[in-house]
PDB file of N, CA and C in Angstrom:
ATOM      1  N   UNK A   1     -17.469  72.363  44.178  1.00  0.00           N
ATOM      2  CA  UNK A   1     -16.909  72.066  42.724  1.00  0.00           C
ATOM      3  C   UNK A   1     -16.867  70.834  42.514  1.00  0.00           C
ATOM      4  N   UNK A   2     -17.281  70.406  40.779  1.00  0.00           N
ATOM      5  CA  UNK A   2     -17.104  68.965  40.500  1.00  0.00           C
ATOM      6  C   UNK A   2     -16.192  68.458  39.974  1.00  0.00           C
ATOM      7  N   UNK A   3     -15.892  67.658  38.995  1.00  0.00           N
ATOM      8  CA  UNK A   3     -14.930  67.525  38.694  1.00  0.00           C
ATOM      9  C   UNK A   3     -15.565  67.269  36.548  1.00  0.00           C
ATOM     10  N   UNK A   4     -14.463  68.107  36.070  1.00  0.00           N
ATOM     11  CA  UNK A   4     -14.863  67.535  34.674  1.00  0.00           C
ATOM     12  C   UNK A   4     -13.268  67.396  33.616  1.00  0.00           C
ATOM     13  N   UNK A   5     -13.764  66.679  32.997  1.00  0.00           N
ATOM     14  CA  UNK A   5     -12.138  65.678  32.433  1.00  0.00           C
ATOM     15  C   UNK A   5     -12.186  65.788  30.791  1.00  0.00           C
ATOM     16  N   UNK A   6     -10.695  66.549  30.315  1.00  0.00           N
ATOM     17  CA  UNK A   6     -11.190  65.207  28.828  1.00  0.00           C
ATOM     18  C   UNK A   6      -9.988  64.729  28.494  1.00  0.00           C
ATOM     19  N   UNK A   7      -9.946  64.216  27.242  1.00  0.00           N
ATOM     20  CA  UNK A   7      -9.136  63.004  26.289  1.00  0.00           C
ATOM     21  C   UNK A   7      -8.328  63.839  25.323  1.00  0.00           C
ATOM     22  N   UNK A   8      -7.395  63.496  25.519  1.00  0.00           N
ATOM     23  CA  UNK A   8      -7.053  64.336  23.756  1.00  0.00           C
ATOM     24  C   UNK A   8      -5.205  62.489  23.515  1.00  0.00           C
ATOM     25  N   UNK A   9      -6.166  62.548  22.312  1.00  0.00           N
ATOM     26  CA  UNK A   9      -4.763  61.653  21.993  1.00  0.00           C
ATOM     27  C   UNK A   9      -3.520  61.811  20.741  1.00  0.00           C
ATOM     28  N   UNK A  10      -2.878  61.839  21.521  1.00  0.00           N
ATOM     29  CA  UNK A  10      -1.748  62.031  20.485  1.00  0.00           C
ATOM     30  C   UNK A  10      -0.395  61.394  20.289  1.00  0.00           C
ATOM     31  N   UNK A  11      -0.826  60.727  18.939  1.00  0.00           N
ATOM     32  CA  UNK A  11      -0.097  59.679  18.856  1.00  0.00           C
ATOM     33  C   UNK A  11      -0.712  58.505  19.630  1.00  0.00           C
ATOM     34  N   UNK A  12       0.767  57.711  20.416  1.00  0.00           N
ATOM     35  CA  UNK A  12       0.551  56.954  20.976  1.00  0.00           C
ATOM     36  C   UNK A  12       0.022  57.307  22.553  1.00  0.00           C
ATOM     37  N   UNK A  13      -0.212  57.904  22.650  1.00  0.00           N
ATOM     38  CA  UNK A  13      -0.302  58.805  23.875  1.00  0.00           C
ATOM     39  C   UNK A  13      -1.377  59.772  24.782  1.00  0.00           C
ATOM     40  N   UNK A  14      -2.846  58.749  25.650  1.00  0.00           N
ATOM     41  CA  UNK A  14      -3.640  59.646  25.691  1.00  0.00           C
ATOM     42  C   UNK A  14      -3.113  60.345  26.931  1.00  0.00           C
ATOM     43  N   UNK A  15      -3.721  61.724  26.399  1.00  0.00           N
ATOM     44  CA  UNK A  15      -3.213  63.308  27.364  1.00  0.00           C
ATOM     45  C   UNK A  15      -4.914  63.174  27.778  1.00  0.00           C
ATOM     46  N   UNK A  16      -4.403  63.092  29.695  1.00  0.00           N
ATOM     47  CA  UNK A  16      -5.613  63.255  30.150  1.00  0.00           C
ATOM     48  C   UNK A  16      -5.871  65.119  30.913  1.00  0.00           C
ATOM     49  N   UNK A  17      -6.816  65.461  31.036  1.00  0.00           N
ATOM     50  CA  UNK A  17      -6.310  66.932  31.763  1.00  0.00           C
ATOM     51  C   UNK A  17      -8.111  66.927  32.701  1.00  0.00           C
ATOM     52  N   UNK A  18      -7.707  67.458  34.008  1.00  0.00           N
ATOM     53  CA  UNK A  18      -8.269  67.222  35.195  1.00  0.00           C
ATOM     54  C   UNK A  18      -8.471  68.557  35.585  1.00  0.00           C
ATOM     55  N   UNK A  19      -9.520  68.477  35.733  1.00  0.00           N
ATOM     56  CA  UNK A  19     -10.095  69.860  36.388  1.00  0.00           C
ATOM     57  C   UNK A  19     -11.132  70.294  37.768  1.00  0.00           C
ATOM     58  N   UNK A  20     -11.063  70.764  38.754  1.00  0.00           N
ATOM     59  CA  UNK A  20     -12.293  70.420  39.748  1.00  0.00           C
ATOM     60  C   UNK A  20     -11.299  69.518  40.558  1.00  0.00           C
ATOM     61  N   UNK A  21     -12.486  68.827  41.860  1.00  0.00           N
ATOM     62  CA  UNK A  21     -12.249  67.947  42.738  1.00  0.00           C
ATOM     63  C   UNK A  21     -12.478  66.193  42.004  1.00  0.00           C
ATOM     64  N   UNK A  22     -11.914  65.742  42.390  1.00  0.00           N
ATOM     65  CA  UNK A  22     -11.434  64.331  42.395  1.00  0.00           C
ATOM     66  C   UNK A  22     -12.225  63.789  44.005  1.00  0.00           C
ATOM     67  N   UNK A  23     -13.425  63.278  43.997  1.00  0.00           N
ATOM     68  CA  UNK A  23     -13.985  62.610  45.035  1.00  0.00           C
ATOM     69  C   UNK A  23     -14.282  61.331  44.710  1.00  0.00           C
ATOM     70  N   UNK A  24     -15.049  60.479  45.958  1.00  0.00           N
ATOM     71  CA  UNK A  24     -15.637  59.417  45.512  1.00  0.00           C
ATOM     72  C   UNK A  24     -16.813  59.189  44.956  1.00  0.00           C
ATOM     73  N   UNK A  25     -17.065  60.969  44.641  1.00  0.00           N
ATOM     74  CA  UNK A  25     -18.254  61.052  43.762  1.00  0.00           C
ATOM     75  C   UNK A  25     -18.716  61.025  42.465  1.00  0.00           C
ATOM     76  N   UNK A  26     -17.117  61.175  41.658  1.00  0.00           N
ATOM     77  CA  UNK A  26     -16.632  61.703  40.527  1.00  0.00           C
ATOM     78  C   UNK A  26     -16.022  60.197  40.270  1.00  0.00           C
ATOM     79  N   UNK A  27     -15.296  59.489  41.232  1.00  0.00           N
ATOM     80  CA  UNK A  27     -14.144  58.861  40.482  1.00  0.00           C
ATOM     81  C   UNK A  27     -14.776  57.535  39.727  1.00  0.00           C
ATOM     82  N   UNK A  28     -15.601  56.453  40.185  1.00  0.00           N
ATOM     83  CA  UNK A  28     -15.903  55.943  39.468  1.00  0.00           C
ATOM     84  C   UNK A  28     -16.578  56.156  37.941  1.00  0.00           C
ATOM     85  N   UNK A  29     -16.689  57.291  37.118  1.00  0.00           N
ATOM     86  CA  UNK A  29     -17.349  57.710  36.118  1.00  0.00           C
ATOM     87  C   UNK A  29     -15.823  58.058  35.758  1.00  0.00           C
ATOM     88  N   UNK A  30     -15.280  58.281  36.333  1.00  0.00           N
ATOM     89  CA  UNK A  30     -13.782  58.308  35.673  1.00  0.00           C
ATOM     90  C   UNK A  30     -12.542  57.494  35.009  1.00  0.00           C
ATOM     91  N   UNK A  31     -12.930  56.755  36.013  1.00  0.00           N
ATOM     92  CA  UNK A  31     -12.703  54.942  35.715  1.00  0.00           C
ATOM     93  C   UNK A  31     -13.016  54.794  34.320  1.00  0.00           C
ATOM     94  N   UNK A  32     -14.333  55.093  34.375  1.00  0.00           N
ATOM     95  CA  UNK A  32     -14.970  53.980  33.176  1.00  0.00           C
ATOM     96  C   UNK A  32     -14.504  54.785  32.039  1.00  0.00           C
ATOM     97  N   UNK A  33     -14.851  56.112  31.938  1.00  0.00           N
ATOM     98  CA  UNK A  33     -14.542  56.786  30.443  1.00  0.00           C
ATOM     99  C   UNK A  33     -12.529  56.646  30.245  1.00  0.00           C
ATOM    100  N   UNK A  34     -12.391  56.250  31.316  1.00  0.00           N
ATOM    101  CA  UNK A  34     -10.389  57.028  30.926  1.00  0.00           C
ATOM    102  C   UNK A  34     -10.180  55.302  30.745  1.00  0.00           C
ATOM    103  N   UNK A  35     -10.945  54.440  31.063  1.00  0.00           N
ATOM    104  CA  UNK A  35     -10.471  52.961  30.536  1.00  0.00           C
ATOM    105  C   UNK A  35     -10.995  52.675  28.835  1.00  0.00           C
ATOM    106  N   UNK A  36     -12.192  52.933  29.170  1.00  0.00           N
ATOM    107  CA  UNK A  36     -12.703  52.840  27.360  1.00  0.00           C
ATOM    108  C   UNK A  36     -11.445  53.738  26.291  1.00  0.00           C
ATOM    109  N   UNK A  37     -10.616  54.876  26.993  1.00  0.00           N
ATOM    110  CA  UNK A  37      -9.963  54.965  26.028  1.00  0.00           C
ATOM    111  C   UNK A  37      -8.343  54.221  26.045  1.00  0.00           C
ATOM    112  N   UNK A  38      -8.498  53.619  27.071  1.00  0.00           N
ATOM    113  CA  UNK A  38      -7.607  52.591  27.043  1.00  0.00           C
ATOM    114  C   UNK A  38      -7.650  51.368  27.004  1.00  0.00           C
ATOM    115  N   UNK A  39      -8.523  50.674  26.525  1.00  0.00           N
ATOM    116  CA  UNK A  39      -8.995  49.787  25.604  1.00  0.00           C
ATOM    117  C   UNK A  39      -9.511  49.882  23.841  1.00  0.00           C
ATOM    118  N   UNK A  40      -8.792  51.458  23.381  1.00  0.00           N
ATOM    119  CA  UNK A  40      -8.992  51.460  22.038  1.00  0.00           C
ATOM    120  C   UNK A  40      -8.202  50.806  21.774  1.00  0.00           C
ATOM    121  N   UNK A  41      -7.162  50.808  21.620  1.00  0.00           N
ATOM    122  CA  UNK A  41      -5.991  49.684  20.336  1.00  0.00           C
ATOM    123  C   UNK A  41      -4.973  50.934  20.362  1.00  0.00           C
ATOM    124  N   UNK A  42      -5.430  52.236  20.495  1.00  0.00           N
ATOM    125  CA  UNK A  42      -4.599  53.405  19.619  1.00  0.00           C
ATOM    126  C   UNK A  42      -3.256  53.837  20.798  1.00  0.00           C
ATOM    127  N   UNK A  43      -3.929  53.361  22.743  1.00  0.00           N
ATOM    128  CA  UNK A  43      -3.267  53.830  23.375  1.00  0.00           C
ATOM    129  C   UNK A  43      -2.233  52.958  24.073  1.00  0.00           C
ATOM    130  N   UNK A  44      -0.514  53.700  24.328  1.00  0.00           N
ATOM    131  CA  UNK A  44       0.484  53.014  25.074  1.00  0.00           C
ATOM    132  C   UNK A  44       0.537  53.470  26.278  1.00  0.00           C
ATOM    133  N   UNK A  45       0.566  54.738  26.002  1.00  0.00           N
ATOM    134  CA  UNK A  45       1.026  55.767  27.217  1.00  0.00           C
ATOM    135  C   UNK A  45      -0.045  56.837  27.913  1.00  0.00           C
ATOM    136  N   UNK A  46       0.501  57.006  29.220  1.00  0.00           N
ATOM    137  CA  UNK A  46      -0.571  58.139  29.735  1.00  0.00           C
ATOM    138  C   UNK A  46      -0.002  59.633  29.679  1.00  0.00           C
ATOM    139  N   UNK A  47      -0.350  60.733  29.934  1.00  0.00           N
ATOM    140  CA  UNK A  47      -0.171  61.881  30.661  1.00  0.00           C
ATOM    141  C   UNK A  47      -1.154  62.407  31.064  1.00  0.00           C
ATOM    142  N   UNK A  48      -1.191  62.571  32.467  1.00  0.00           N
ATOM    143  CA  UNK A  48      -2.102  63.047  33.219  1.00  0.00           C
ATOM    144  C   UNK A  48      -2.033  64.670  33.589  1.00  0.00           C
ATOM    145  N   UNK A  49      -2.428  65.369  33.002  1.00  0.00           N
ATOM    146  CA  UNK A  49      -2.428  67.413  33.367  1.00  0.00           C
ATOM    147  C   UNK A  49      -3.339  67.360  34.985  1.00  0.00           C
ATOM    148  N   UNK A  50      -2.565  67.831  36.142  1.00  0.00           N
ATOM    149  CA  UNK A  50      -3.249  68.169  36.955  1.00  0.00           C
ATOM    150  C   UNK A  50      -3.254  69.622  37.611  1.00  0.00           C
ATOM    151  N   UNK A  51      -3.212  70.460  36.379  1.00  0.00           N
ATOM    152  CA  UNK A  51      -2.922  71.989  36.717  1.00  0.00           C
ATOM    153  C   UNK A  51      -4.091  72.257  37.324  1.00  0.00           C
ATOM    154  N   UNK A  52      -5.437  71.851  36.921  1.00  0.00           N
ATOM    155  CA  UNK A  52      -6.585  72.319  37.411  1.00  0.00           C
ATOM    156  C   UNK A  52      -7.241  71.247  38.404  1.00  0.00           C
ATOM    157  N   UNK A  53      -6.394  70.586  39.309  1.00  0.00           N
ATOM    158  CA  UNK A  53      -7.058  69.272  39.627  1.00  0.00           C
ATOM    159  C   UNK A  53      -6.621  70.308  41.405  1.00  0.00           C
ATOM    160  N   UNK A  54      -7.951  70.811  41.939  1.00  0.00           N
ATOM    161  CA  UNK A  54      -7.478  71.554  43.057  1.00  0.00           C
ATOM    162  C   UNK A  54      -7.446  70.654  44.503  1.00  0.00           C
ATOM    163  N   UNK A  55      -8.602  69.088  44.789  1.00  0.00           N
ATOM    164  CA  UNK A  55      -8.444  68.444  45.509  1.00  0.00           C
ATOM    165  C   UNK A  55      -8.865  67.321  45.220  1.00  0.00           C
ATOM    166  N   UNK A  56      -8.194  66.107  45.786  1.00  0.00           N
ATOM    167  CA  UNK A  56      -8.183  64.690  45.784  1.00  0.00           C
ATOM    168  C   UNK A  56      -8.171  63.811  46.786  1.00  0.00           C
ATOM    169  N   UNK A  57      -8.937  62.524  47.151  1.00  0.00           N
ATOM    170  CA  UNK A  57      -8.914  62.631  48.035  1.00  0.00           C
ATOM    171  C   UNK A  57      -9.031  60.678  47.540  1.00  0.00           C
ATOM    172  N   UNK A  58      -9.141  59.657  48.632  1.00  0.00           N
ATOM    173  CA  UNK A  58      -8.389  58.590  48.065  1.00  0.00           C
ATOM    174  C   UNK A  58      -9.064  57.607  47.274  1.00  0.00           C
ATOM    175  N   UNK A  59     -10.262  57.956  47.117  1.00  0.00           N
ATOM    176  CA  UNK A  59     -10.283  56.829  45.546  1.00  0.00           C
ATOM    177  C   UNK A  59      -9.891  57.314  44.763  1.00  0.00           C
ATOM    178  N   UNK A  60      -9.811  59.198  44.554  1.00  0.00           N
ATOM    179  CA  UNK A  60      -9.060  59.365  43.144  1.00  0.00           C
ATOM    180  C   UNK A  60      -7.440  58.917  42.820  1.00  0.00           C
ATOM    181  N   UNK A  61      -6.962  58.229  43.869  1.00  0.00           N
ATOM    182  CA  UNK A  61      -5.550  57.597  44.276  1.00  0.00           C
ATOM    183  C   UNK A  61      -5.780  55.933  43.710  1.00  0.00           C
ATOM    184  N   UNK A  62      -6.996  56.201  43.698  1.00  0.00           N
ATOM    185  CA  UNK A  62      -7.220  54.021  43.614  1.00  0.00           C
ATOM    186  C   UNK A  62      -7.605  54.345  42.232  1.00  0.00           C
ATOM    187  N   UNK A  63      -7.778  55.618  41.561  1.00  0.00           N
ATOM    188  CA  UNK A  63      -8.327  55.513  40.380  1.00  0.00           C
ATOM    189  C   UNK A  63      -7.255  55.942  39.658  1.00  0.00           C
ATOM    190  N   UNK A  64      -6.236  56.153  39.680  1.00  0.00           N
ATOM    191  CA  UNK A  64      -4.721  56.930  39.259  1.00  0.00           C
ATOM    192  C   UNK A  64      -4.122  55.151  39.583  1.00  0.00           C
ATOM    193  N   UNK A  65      -3.952  54.359  40.651  1.00  0.00           N
ATOM    194  CA  UNK A  65      -3.300  52.904  40.255  1.00  0.00           C
ATOM    195  C   UNK A  65      -3.758  52.115  39.409  1.00  0.00           C
ATOM    196  N   UNK A  66      -4.750  51.928  39.735  1.00  0.00           N
ATOM    197  CA  UNK A  66      -5.806  51.012  38.542  1.00  0.00           C
ATOM    198  C   UNK A  66      -5.515  51.441  37.085  1.00  0.00           C
ATOM    199  N   UNK A  67      -5.262  52.789  36.489  1.00  0.00           N
ATOM    200  CA  UNK A  67      -5.269  52.892  35.605  1.00  0.00           C
ATOM    201  C   UNK A  67      -3.364  53.007  35.365  1.00  0.00           C
ATOM    202  N   UNK A  68      -2.994  53.009  36.204  1.00  0.00           N
ATOM    203  CA  UNK A  68      -1.058  52.659  35.761  1.00  0.00           C
ATOM    204  C   UNK A  68      -1.258  51.020  36.446  1.00  0.00           C
ATOM    205  N   UNK A  69      -1.457  50.476  36.596  1.00  0.00           N
ATOM    206  CA  UNK A  69      -1.533  49.105  35.820  1.00  0.00           C
ATOM    207  C   UNK A  69      -2.285  48.496  34.958  1.00  0.00           C
ATOM    208  N   UNK A  70      -3.289  49.045  34.347  1.00  0.00           N
ATOM    209  CA  UNK A  70      -3.602  48.858  33.028  1.00  0.00           C
ATOM    210  C   UNK A  70      -2.928  49.268  31.936  1.00  0.00           C
ATOM    211  N   UNK A  71      -1.756  50.901  32.670  1.00  0.00           N
ATOM    212  CA  UNK A  71      -0.972  50.933  31.458  1.00  0.00           C
ATOM    213  C   UNK A  71       0.276  50.101  30.706  1.00  0.00           C
ATOM    214  N   UNK A  72       0.456  49.339  32.771  1.00  0.00           N
ATOM    215  CA  UNK A  72       1.922  48.988  32.424  1.00  0.00           C
ATOM    216  C   UNK A  72       1.468  47.538  32.293  1.00  0.00           C
ATOM    217  N   UNK A  73       0.832  47.029  31.859  1.00  0.00           N
ATOM    218  CA  UNK A  73      -0.054  45.814  31.328  1.00  0.00           C
ATOM    219  C   UNK A  73       0.308  45.570  29.581  1.00  0.00           C
ATOM    220  N   UNK A  74      -0.050  47.111  29.251  1.00  0.00           N
ATOM    221  CA  UNK A  74       0.181  47.170  27.793  1.00  0.00           C
ATOM    222  C   UNK A  74       1.459  47.896  27.404  1.00  0.00           C
ATOM    223  N   UNK A  75       1.942  47.732  28.069  1.00  0.00           N
ATOM    224  CA  UNK A  75       3.642  47.821  28.350  1.00  0.00           C
ATOM    225  C   UNK A  75       4.305  49.733  27.568  1.00  0.00           C
ATOM    226  N   UNK A  76       2.352  50.343  28.837  1.00  0.00           N
ATOM    227  CA  UNK A  76       3.323  51.345  28.653  1.00  0.00           C
ATOM    228  C   UNK A  76       3.676  52.467  29.785  1.00  0.00           C
ATOM    229  N   UNK A  77       3.757  53.852  30.111  1.00  0.00           N
ATOM    230  CA  UNK A  77       4.122  54.530  30.984  1.00  0.00           C
ATOM    231  C   UNK A  77       2.860  55.559  31.381  1.00  0.00           C
ATOM    232  N   UNK A  78       2.937  55.699  32.538  1.00  0.00           N
ATOM    233  CA  UNK A  78       2.170  56.808  32.975  1.00  0.00           C
ATOM    234  C   UNK A  78       3.074  58.026  33.643  1.00  0.00           C
ATOM    235  N   UNK A  79       2.727  59.081  33.684  1.00  0.00           N
ATOM    236  CA  UNK A  79       3.462  60.830  33.598  1.00  0.00           C
ATOM    237  C   UNK A  79       2.464  61.613  33.841  1.00  0.00           C
ATOM    238  N   UNK A  80       2.101  62.327  34.799  1.00  0.00           N
ATOM    239  CA  UNK A  80       1.954  63.255  35.860  1.00  0.00           C
ATOM    240  C   UNK A  80       2.876  64.328  35.542  1.00  0.00           C
ATOM    241  N   UNK A  81       1.946  65.175  35.864  1.00  0.00           N
ATOM    242  CA  UNK A  81       2.700  66.707  34.483  1.00  0.00           C
ATOM    243  C   UNK A  81       1.781  67.754  35.552  1.00  0.00           C
ATOM    244  N   UNK A  82       2.699  68.950  35.626  1.00  0.00           N
ATOM    245  CA  UNK A  82       2.178  70.253  36.752  1.00  0.00           C
ATOM    246  C   UNK A  82       1.351  69.926  37.629  1.00  0.00           C
ATOM    247  N   UNK A  83       1.615  69.197  38.338  1.00  0.00           N
ATOM    248  CA  UNK A  83       0.118  68.828  39.600  1.00  0.00           C
ATOM    249  C   UNK A  83       0.700  69.941  41.056  1.00  0.00           C
ATOM    250  N   UNK A  84      -0.254  70.412  41.597  1.00  0.00           N
ATOM    251  CA  UNK A  84      -0.317  71.716  42.254  1.00  0.00           C
ATOM    252  C   UNK A  84       0.094  70.821  43.526  1.00  0.00           C
ATOM    253  N   UNK A  85       0.811  72.258  44.338  1.00  0.00           N
ATOM    254  CA  UNK A  85       1.115  71.549  45.899  1.00  0.00           C
ATOM    255  C   UNK A  85       0.069  70.517  46.692  1.00  0.00           C
ATOM    256  N   UNK A  86      -0.552  70.724  46.825  1.00  0.00           N
ATOM    257  CA  UNK A  86      -1.967  70.298  47.461  1.00  0.00           C
ATOM    258  C   UNK A  86      -2.369  68.359  47.346  1.00  0.00           C
ATOM    259  N   UNK A  87      -2.537  68.494  45.691  1.00  0.00           N
ATOM    260  CA  UNK A  87      -2.231  67.103  45.229  1.00  0.00           C
ATOM    261  C   UNK A  87      -0.898  65.779  45.697  1.00  0.00           C
ATOM    262  N   UNK A  88      -0.308  66.767  44.839  1.00  0.00           N
ATOM    263  CA  UNK A  88       1.282  66.743  44.851  1.00  0.00           C
ATOM    264  C   UNK A  88       1.608  65.328  46.533  1.00  0.00           C
ATOM    265  N   UNK A  89       0.882  66.389  47.228  1.00  0.00           N
ATOM    266  CA  UNK A  89       2.009  66.051  49.277  1.00  0.00           C
ATOM    267  C   UNK A  89       1.284  64.962  48.727  1.00  0.00           C
ATOM    268  N   UNK A  90      -0.301  64.374  48.737  1.00  0.00           N
ATOM    269  CA  UNK A  90      -0.853  63.594  48.740  1.00  0.00           C
ATOM    270  C   UNK A  90      -0.524  61.940  47.786  1.00  0.00           C
ATOM    271  N   UNK A  91       0.135  62.645  46.847  1.00  0.00           N
ATOM    272  CA  UNK A  91       1.113  61.336  45.811  1.00  0.00           C
ATOM    273  C   UNK A  91       2.116  61.268  46.600  1.00  0.00           C
ATOM    274  N   UNK A  92       2.712  62.400  47.266  1.00  0.00           N
ATOM    275  CA  UNK A  92       4.226  62.113  48.064  1.00  0.00           C
ATOM    276  C   UNK A  92       3.516  60.678  49.323  1.00  0.00           C
ATOM    277  N   UNK A  93       2.479  61.309  49.741  1.00  0.00           N
ATOM    278  CA  UNK A  93       2.095  60.222  51.123  1.00  0.00           C
ATOM    279  C   UNK A  93       1.723  59.115  50.624  1.00  0.00           C
ATOM    280  N   UNK A  94       1.537  58.795  49.686  1.00  0.00           N
ATOM    281  CA  UNK A  94       0.914  57.829  49.320  1.00  0.00           C
ATOM    282  C   UNK A  94       1.873  56.705  48.874  1.00  0.00           C
ATOM    283  N   UNK A  95       3.148  57.486  48.304  1.00  0.00           N
ATOM    284  CA  UNK A  95       3.863  56.342  47.910  1.00  0.00           C
ATOM    285  C   UNK A  95       3.771  56.477  46.220  1.00  0.00           C
ATOM    286  N   UNK A  96       3.201  57.106  45.086  1.00  0.00           N
ATOM    287  CA  UNK A  96       2.458  56.743  43.974  1.00  0.00           C
ATOM    288  C   UNK A  96       3.724  57.516  43.444  1.00  0.00           C
ATOM    289  N   UNK A  97       4.679  58.338  43.363  1.00  0.00           N
ATOM    290  CA  UNK A  97       5.523  58.929  42.565  1.00  0.00           C
ATOM    291  C   UNK A  97       6.403  58.286  43.080  1.00  0.00           C
ATOM    292  N   UNK A  98       6.585  56.606  43.748  1.00  0.00           N
ATOM    293  CA  UNK A  98       7.887  55.504  43.336  1.00  0.00           C
ATOM    294  C   UNK A  98       7.435  54.794  42.164  1.00  0.00           C
ATOM    295  N   UNK A  99       6.095  55.010  42.015  1.00  0.00           N
ATOM    296  CA  UNK A  99       5.992  54.257  40.724  1.00  0.00           C
ATOM    297  C   UNK A  99       5.527  54.331  39.406  1.00  0.00           C
ATOM    298  N   UNK A 100       5.091  56.086  39.706  1.00  0.00           N
ATOM    299  CA  UNK A 100       4.559  57.072  38.312  1.00  0.00           C
ATOM    300  C   UNK A 100       5.571  58.318  38.441  1.00  0.00           C
ATOM    301  N   UNK A 101       6.497  58.822  37.088  1.00  0.00           N
ATOM    302  CA  UNK A 101       6.654  59.631  36.776  1.00  0.00           C
ATOM    303  C   UNK A 101       6.100  60.784  37.158  1.00  0.00           C
ATOM    304  N   UNK A 102       6.608  61.882  37.569  1.00  0.00           N
ATOM    305  CA  UNK A 102       6.538  63.093  37.314  1.00  0.00           C
ATOM    306  C   UNK A 102       7.568  64.110  36.182  1.00  0.00           C
ATOM    307  N   UNK A 103       6.462  65.065  35.649  1.00  0.00           N
ATOM    308  CA  UNK A 103       7.231  65.889  34.519  1.00  0.00           C
ATOM    309  C   UNK A 103       6.619  67.384  34.972  1.00  0.00           C
ATOM    310  N   UNK A 104       7.191  68.671  34.850  1.00  0.00           N
ATOM    311  CA  UNK A 104       6.799  69.890  35.313  1.00  0.00           C
ATOM    312  C   UNK A 104       5.544  69.934  33.886  1.00  0.00           C
ATOM    313  N   UNK A 105       5.742  70.167  33.665  1.00  0.00           N
ATOM    314  CA  UNK A 105       4.476  70.206  32.121  1.00  0.00           C
ATOM    315  C   UNK A 105       3.595  69.478  31.019  1.00  0.00           C
ATOM    316  N   UNK A 106       3.227  69.597  30.232  1.00  0.00           N
ATOM    317  CA  UNK A 106       2.233  69.058  29.778  1.00  0.00           C
ATOM    318  C   UNK A 106       3.279  68.558  28.405  1.00  0.00           C
ATOM    319  N   UNK A 107       3.868  69.683  27.999  1.00  0.00           N
ATOM    320  CA  UNK A 107       5.717  69.378  26.642  1.00  0.00           C
ATOM    321  C   UNK A 107       6.468  68.303  27.295  1.00  0.00           C
ATOM    322  N   UNK A 108       6.856  68.619  29.179  1.00  0.00           N
ATOM    323  CA  UNK A 108       7.874  67.641  28.920  1.00  0.00           C
ATOM    324  C   UNK A 108       7.611  66.394  29.055  1.00  0.00           C
ATOM    325  N   UNK A 109       6.581  66.183  29.419  1.00  0.00           N
ATOM    326  CA  UNK A 109       5.440  65.356  30.141  1.00  0.00           C
ATOM    327  C   UNK A 109       5.575  63.869  28.227  1.00  0.00           C
ATOM    328  N   UNK A 110       5.387  64.884  27.269  1.00  0.00           N
ATOM    329  CA  UNK A 110       4.848  64.436  26.439  1.00  0.00           C
ATOM    330  C   UNK A 110       6.039  63.901  25.215  1.00  0.00           C
ATOM    331  N   UNK A 111       7.181  65.181  25.554  1.00  0.00           N
ATOM    332  CA  UNK A 111       8.789  64.695  25.284  1.00  0.00           C
ATOM    333  C   UNK A 111       8.940  63.443  25.990  1.00  0.00           C
ATOM    334  N   UNK A 112       8.885  63.689  26.944  1.00  0.00           N
ATOM    335  CA  UNK A 112       9.761  61.986  27.870  1.00  0.00           C
ATOM    336  C   UNK A 112       8.577  60.736  27.545  1.00  0.00           C
ATOM    337  N   UNK A 113       8.178  60.904  26.571  1.00  0.00           N
ATOM    338  CA  UNK A 113       7.319  59.500  26.391  1.00  0.00           C
ATOM    339  C   UNK A 113       7.256  59.779  24.415  1.00  0.00           C
ATOM    340  N   UNK A 114       8.713  60.620  23.982  1.00  0.00           N
ATOM    341  CA  UNK A 114       8.902  60.301  21.921  1.00  0.00           C
ATOM    342  C   UNK A 114       7.409  61.355  22.046  1.00  0.00           C
ATOM    343  N   UNK A 115       6.391  61.856  22.206  1.00  0.00           N
ATOM    344  CA  UNK A 115       6.054  62.709  21.349  1.00  0.00           C
ATOM    345  C   UNK A 115       6.426  64.157  20.874  1.00  0.00           C
ATOM    346  N   UNK A 116       6.739  64.468  20.107  1.00  0.00           N
ATOM    347  CA  UNK A 116       7.248  65.810  19.419  1.00  0.00           C
ATOM    348  C   UNK A 116       6.037  66.503  19.076  1.00  0.00           C
ATOM    349  N   UNK A 117       5.780  67.510  19.503  1.00  0.00           N
ATOM    350  CA  UNK A 117       4.995  68.918  19.773  1.00  0.00           C
ATOM    351  C   UNK A 117       5.510  69.639  18.050  1.00  0.00           C
TER     352      UNK A 117
END
């Protein structure tokens, strides 16, 4: 299974939805596409919905860490939501949850960043 993703802008929040498997074959393209949204001048915060992401390796962690740093540089926050158990375990083992917030679902993540639905 490959990776598919879509981006949606909600006010100053970029909503990123990932589906499938994020591995070294997919990481570079995701990184490049994600960066183009961060550089558009409309994005301050990011919410990443991982509900349908079923696998991620260390290259995926690198994509998240890199985008986290870019978001912090523009004064924003990143929130991960709807994460499944296997991917959550990888985030916990890597220590990323020490710097990246988590929420139960998209609505909660968006509300945390001040977006009303």
